[in-house]
Amino acid sequence: MDEESVFSLSYEQLTRVAEKNISECELDNQGALYISESSKASALLGFWYELAINGAPLKNYEQTKALIDADQQRLRKLIWPEDDR
């Protein structure tokens, strides 16, 4: 496995995959399962954000960052619906 594999996803594809994976987390449970699932969903959100922000083009960066921030808030609400941030 010495060969480097390269692939690309558009921002929209990346966001759809993150939303799907976060939605599949079992966040309606309580106790240890909730902690595990919310940790997994939070890690997915963090990974999505890092990929999105590091892949943002420098041209129109502020506009792109505003889109990323809006999507981040939308994805956060999937994990923490009552959060007012």
N, C-alpha and C. Protein backbone atom coordinates (compact mmCIF):
# COMPACT_ATOMS: atom_id res chain seq x y z
N MET A 1 0.83 -1.18 0.00
CA MET A 1 0.00 0.00 0.00
C MET A 1 0.88 1.24 0.00
N ASP A 2 1.87 1.25 -0.86
CA ASP A 2 2.76 2.38 -0.97
C ASP A 2 2.24 3.46 -1.90
N GLU A 3 1.24 3.12 -2.69
CA GLU A 3 0.69 4.09 -3.62
C GLU A 3 -0.26 5.03 -2.90
N GLU A 4 -0.16 6.31 -3.25
CA GLU A 4 -1.04 7.31 -2.65
C GLU A 4 -2.36 7.34 -3.41
N SER A 5 -3.46 7.31 -2.68
CA SER A 5 -4.78 7.41 -3.28
C SER A 5 -5.29 8.83 -3.10
N VAL A 6 -5.82 9.38 -4.17
CA VAL A 6 -6.35 10.74 -4.13
C VAL A 6 -7.78 10.70 -4.65
N PHE A 7 -8.67 11.37 -3.96
CA PHE A 7 -10.04 11.49 -4.42
C PHE A 7 -10.53 12.87 -4.04
N SER A 8 -11.63 13.26 -4.65
CA SER A 8 -12.16 14.57 -4.30
C SER A 8 -13.67 14.51 -4.19
N LEU A 9 -14.18 15.35 -3.32
CA LEU A 9 -15.62 15.53 -3.15
C LEU A 9 -15.90 17.02 -3.24
N SER A 10 -17.02 17.36 -3.82
CA SER A 10 -17.42 18.76 -3.81
C SER A 10 -17.89 19.11 -2.39
N TYR A 11 -18.00 20.38 -2.11
CA TYR A 11 -18.48 20.82 -0.81
C TYR A 11 -19.88 20.25 -0.56
N GLU A 12 -20.71 20.27 -1.58
CA GLU A 12 -22.08 19.77 -1.44
C GLU A 12 -22.08 18.27 -1.13
N GLN A 13 -21.24 17.51 -1.80
CA GLN A 13 -21.15 16.07 -1.54
C GLN A 13 -20.65 15.81 -0.12
N LEU A 14 -19.62 16.53 0.27
CA LEU A 14 -19.06 16.39 1.61
C LEU A 14 -20.11 16.69 2.67
N THR A 15 -20.88 17.74 2.46
CA THR A 15 -21.91 18.14 3.41
C THR A 15 -23.04 17.12 3.47
N ARG A 16 -23.45 16.59 2.32
CA ARG A 16 -24.49 15.55 2.29
C ARG A 16 -24.04 14.30 3.04
N VAL A 17 -22.80 13.88 2.83
CA VAL A 17 -22.27 12.70 3.52
C VAL A 17 -22.23 12.94 5.03
N ALA A 18 -21.77 14.11 5.43
CA ALA A 18 -21.72 14.43 6.87
C ALA A 18 -23.12 14.44 7.46
N GLU A 19 -24.06 15.07 6.78
CA GLU A 19 -25.43 15.13 7.29
C GLU A 19 -26.04 13.73 7.41
N LYS A 20 -25.81 12.89 6.41
CA LYS A 20 -26.33 11.52 6.43
C LYS A 20 -25.73 10.76 7.61
N ASN A 21 -24.43 10.84 7.79
CA ASN A 21 -23.77 10.10 8.87
C ASN A 21 -24.17 10.62 10.25
N ILE A 22 -24.31 11.91 10.39
CA ILE A 22 -24.76 12.47 11.67
C ILE A 22 -26.19 12.03 11.95
N SER A 23 -27.03 12.06 10.93
CA SER A 23 -28.44 11.65 11.09
C SER A 23 -28.58 10.18 11.48
N GLU A 24 -27.63 9.37 11.08
CA GLU A 24 -27.67 7.94 11.40
C GLU A 24 -27.24 7.64 12.84
N CYS A 25 -26.66 8.62 13.52
CA CYS A 25 -26.29 8.42 14.92
C CYS A 25 -27.56 8.32 15.75
N GLU A 26 -27.56 7.45 16.73
CA GLU A 26 -28.73 7.22 17.58
C GLU A 26 -28.72 8.21 18.74
N LEU A 27 -29.18 9.44 18.44
CA LEU A 27 -29.10 10.52 19.42
C LEU A 27 -30.33 10.64 20.30
N ASP A 28 -31.32 9.76 20.12
CA ASP A 28 -32.52 9.82 20.95
C ASP A 28 -32.45 8.88 22.14
N ASN A 29 -31.29 8.29 22.38
CA ASN A 29 -31.10 7.40 23.52
C ASN A 29 -30.61 8.19 24.73
N GLN A 30 -30.46 7.49 25.81
CA GLN A 30 -29.95 8.11 27.03
C GLN A 30 -28.77 7.30 27.55
N GLY A 31 -28.07 7.86 28.50
CA GLY A 31 -26.99 7.14 29.17
C GLY A 31 -25.75 7.00 28.30
N ALA A 32 -25.09 5.86 28.48
CA ALA A 32 -23.80 5.62 27.81
C ALA A 32 -23.93 5.60 26.30
N LEU A 33 -25.03 5.05 25.78
CA LEU A 33 -25.21 5.02 24.33
C LEU A 33 -25.32 6.44 23.77
N TYR A 34 -26.04 7.32 24.46
CA TYR A 34 -26.13 8.71 24.01
C TYR A 34 -24.76 9.38 24.00
N ILE A 35 -24.00 9.15 25.05
CA ILE A 35 -22.66 9.75 25.13
C ILE A 35 -21.80 9.26 23.97
N SER A 36 -21.85 7.98 23.70
CA SER A 36 -21.09 7.40 22.60
C SER A 36 -21.53 7.96 21.26
N GLU A 37 -22.83 7.98 21.03
CA GLU A 37 -23.36 8.44 19.74
C GLU A 37 -23.18 9.94 19.55
N SER A 38 -23.36 10.72 20.61
CA SER A 38 -23.16 12.17 20.46
C SER A 38 -21.68 12.49 20.27
N SER A 39 -20.81 11.70 20.87
CA SER A 39 -19.36 11.89 20.64
C SER A 39 -19.01 11.58 19.19
N LYS A 40 -19.61 10.51 18.66
CA LYS A 40 -19.37 10.15 17.26
C LYS A 40 -19.89 11.25 16.34
N ALA A 41 -21.09 11.74 16.61
CA ALA A 41 -21.68 12.79 15.77
C ALA A 41 -20.85 14.08 15.85
N SER A 42 -20.38 14.40 17.05
CA SER A 42 -19.55 15.58 17.24
C SER A 42 -18.23 15.45 16.47
N ALA A 43 -17.64 14.26 16.50
CA ALA A 43 -16.40 14.03 15.75
C ALA A 43 -16.65 14.16 14.24
N LEU A 44 -17.77 13.65 13.77
CA LEU A 44 -18.12 13.79 12.35
C LEU A 44 -18.26 15.26 11.98
N LEU A 45 -18.92 16.03 12.84
CA LEU A 45 -19.08 17.46 12.59
C LEU A 45 -17.72 18.16 12.54
N GLY A 46 -16.86 17.84 13.49
CA GLY A 46 -15.52 18.44 13.51
C GLY A 46 -14.71 18.08 12.29
N PHE A 47 -14.78 16.83 11.86
CA PHE A 47 -14.06 16.38 10.67
C PHE A 47 -14.60 17.09 9.44
N TRP A 48 -15.92 17.16 9.32
CA TRP A 48 -16.55 17.87 8.20
C TRP A 48 -16.06 19.32 8.16
N TYR A 49 -16.08 19.98 9.32
CA TYR A 49 -15.69 21.39 9.38
C TYR A 49 -14.24 21.60 8.93
N GLU A 50 -13.35 20.76 9.44
CA GLU A 50 -11.94 20.88 9.06
C GLU A 50 -11.75 20.70 7.55
N LEU A 51 -12.41 19.71 6.98
CA LEU A 51 -12.30 19.50 5.54
C LEU A 51 -12.90 20.66 4.78
N ALA A 52 -14.05 21.15 5.22
CA ALA A 52 -14.73 22.24 4.53
C ALA A 52 -13.91 23.52 4.59
N ILE A 53 -13.42 23.88 5.76
CA ILE A 53 -12.71 25.15 5.92
C ILE A 53 -11.34 25.10 5.25
N ASN A 54 -10.67 23.95 5.32
CA ASN A 54 -9.36 23.84 4.67
C ASN A 54 -9.47 23.73 3.16
N GLY A 55 -10.62 23.32 2.66
CA GLY A 55 -10.83 23.23 1.22
C GLY A 55 -11.46 24.47 0.62
N ALA A 56 -11.77 25.45 1.47
CA ALA A 56 -12.42 26.67 0.98
C ALA A 56 -11.46 27.46 0.09
N PRO A 57 -11.97 27.92 -1.04
CA PRO A 57 -11.11 28.71 -1.93
C PRO A 57 -10.78 30.07 -1.31
N LEU A 58 -9.62 30.58 -1.63
CA LEU A 58 -9.24 31.89 -1.11
C LEU A 58 -10.05 33.00 -1.77
N LYS A 59 -10.44 32.78 -3.02
CA LYS A 59 -11.30 33.74 -3.71
C LYS A 59 -12.68 33.67 -3.06
N ASN A 60 -13.22 34.81 -2.69
CA ASN A 60 -14.53 34.88 -2.02
C ASN A 60 -14.54 34.10 -0.71
N TYR A 61 -13.44 34.11 0.00
CA TYR A 61 -13.31 33.32 1.24
C TYR A 61 -14.37 33.69 2.26
N GLU A 62 -14.62 34.98 2.45
CA GLU A 62 -15.59 35.40 3.47
C GLU A 62 -17.00 34.89 3.14
N GLN A 63 -17.36 34.92 1.89
CA GLN A 63 -18.67 34.42 1.47
C GLN A 63 -18.75 32.90 1.69
N THR A 64 -17.67 32.20 1.32
CA THR A 64 -17.63 30.75 1.50
C THR A 64 -17.66 30.41 2.98
N LYS A 65 -16.92 31.14 3.80
CA LYS A 65 -16.90 30.89 5.24
C LYS A 65 -18.28 31.10 5.84
N ALA A 66 -19.01 32.10 5.36
CA ALA A 66 -20.38 32.33 5.85
C ALA A 66 -21.27 31.13 5.53
N LEU A 67 -21.11 30.55 4.35
CA LEU A 67 -21.88 29.35 3.96
C LEU A 67 -21.50 28.17 4.87
N ILE A 68 -20.21 27.98 5.09
CA ILE A 68 -19.74 26.89 5.95
C ILE A 68 -20.27 27.07 7.37
N ASP A 69 -20.22 28.29 7.89
CA ASP A 69 -20.72 28.55 9.24
C ASP A 69 -22.22 28.28 9.34
N ALA A 70 -22.98 28.65 8.32
CA ALA A 70 -24.42 28.39 8.33
C ALA A 70 -24.69 26.89 8.30
N ASP A 71 -23.96 26.16 7.46
CA ASP A 71 -24.13 24.71 7.42
C ASP A 71 -23.69 24.06 8.72
N GLN A 72 -22.65 24.59 9.33
CA GLN A 72 -22.20 24.05 10.61
C GLN A 72 -23.30 24.20 11.67
N GLN A 73 -23.95 25.34 11.70
CA GLN A 73 -25.04 25.54 12.66
C GLN A 73 -26.20 24.58 12.38
N ARG A 74 -26.51 24.36 11.11
CA ARG A 74 -27.58 23.44 10.74
C ARG A 74 -27.23 22.01 11.17
N LEU A 75 -25.99 21.59 10.94
CA LEU A 75 -25.56 20.25 11.33
C LEU A 75 -25.49 20.11 12.85
N ARG A 76 -25.10 21.17 13.54
CA ARG A 76 -25.08 21.15 15.02
C ARG A 76 -26.46 20.88 15.57
N LYS A 77 -27.48 21.46 14.94
CA LYS A 77 -28.86 21.28 15.42
C LYS A 77 -29.32 19.83 15.26
N LEU A 78 -28.70 19.07 14.36
CA LEU A 78 -29.02 17.65 14.27
C LEU A 78 -28.55 16.91 15.52
N ILE A 79 -27.45 17.40 16.10
CA ILE A 79 -26.86 16.75 17.27
C ILE A 79 -27.47 17.32 18.55
N TRP A 80 -27.55 18.63 18.62
CA TRP A 80 -28.04 19.33 19.82
C TRP A 80 -29.18 20.25 19.40
N PRO A 81 -30.40 19.72 19.22
CA PRO A 81 -31.52 20.54 18.71
C PRO A 81 -31.90 21.70 19.61
N GLU A 82 -31.70 21.58 20.90
CA GLU A 82 -32.11 22.65 21.82
C GLU A 82 -31.04 23.71 21.99
N ASP A 83 -29.89 23.53 21.39
CA ASP A 83 -28.78 24.48 21.52
C ASP A 83 -29.12 25.75 20.76
N ASP A 84 -29.04 26.90 21.41
CA ASP A 84 -29.39 28.18 20.79
C ASP A 84 -28.22 28.91 20.16
N ARG A 85 -27.08 28.27 20.06
CA ARG A 85 -25.90 28.96 19.50
C ARG A 85 -26.05 29.21 18.04
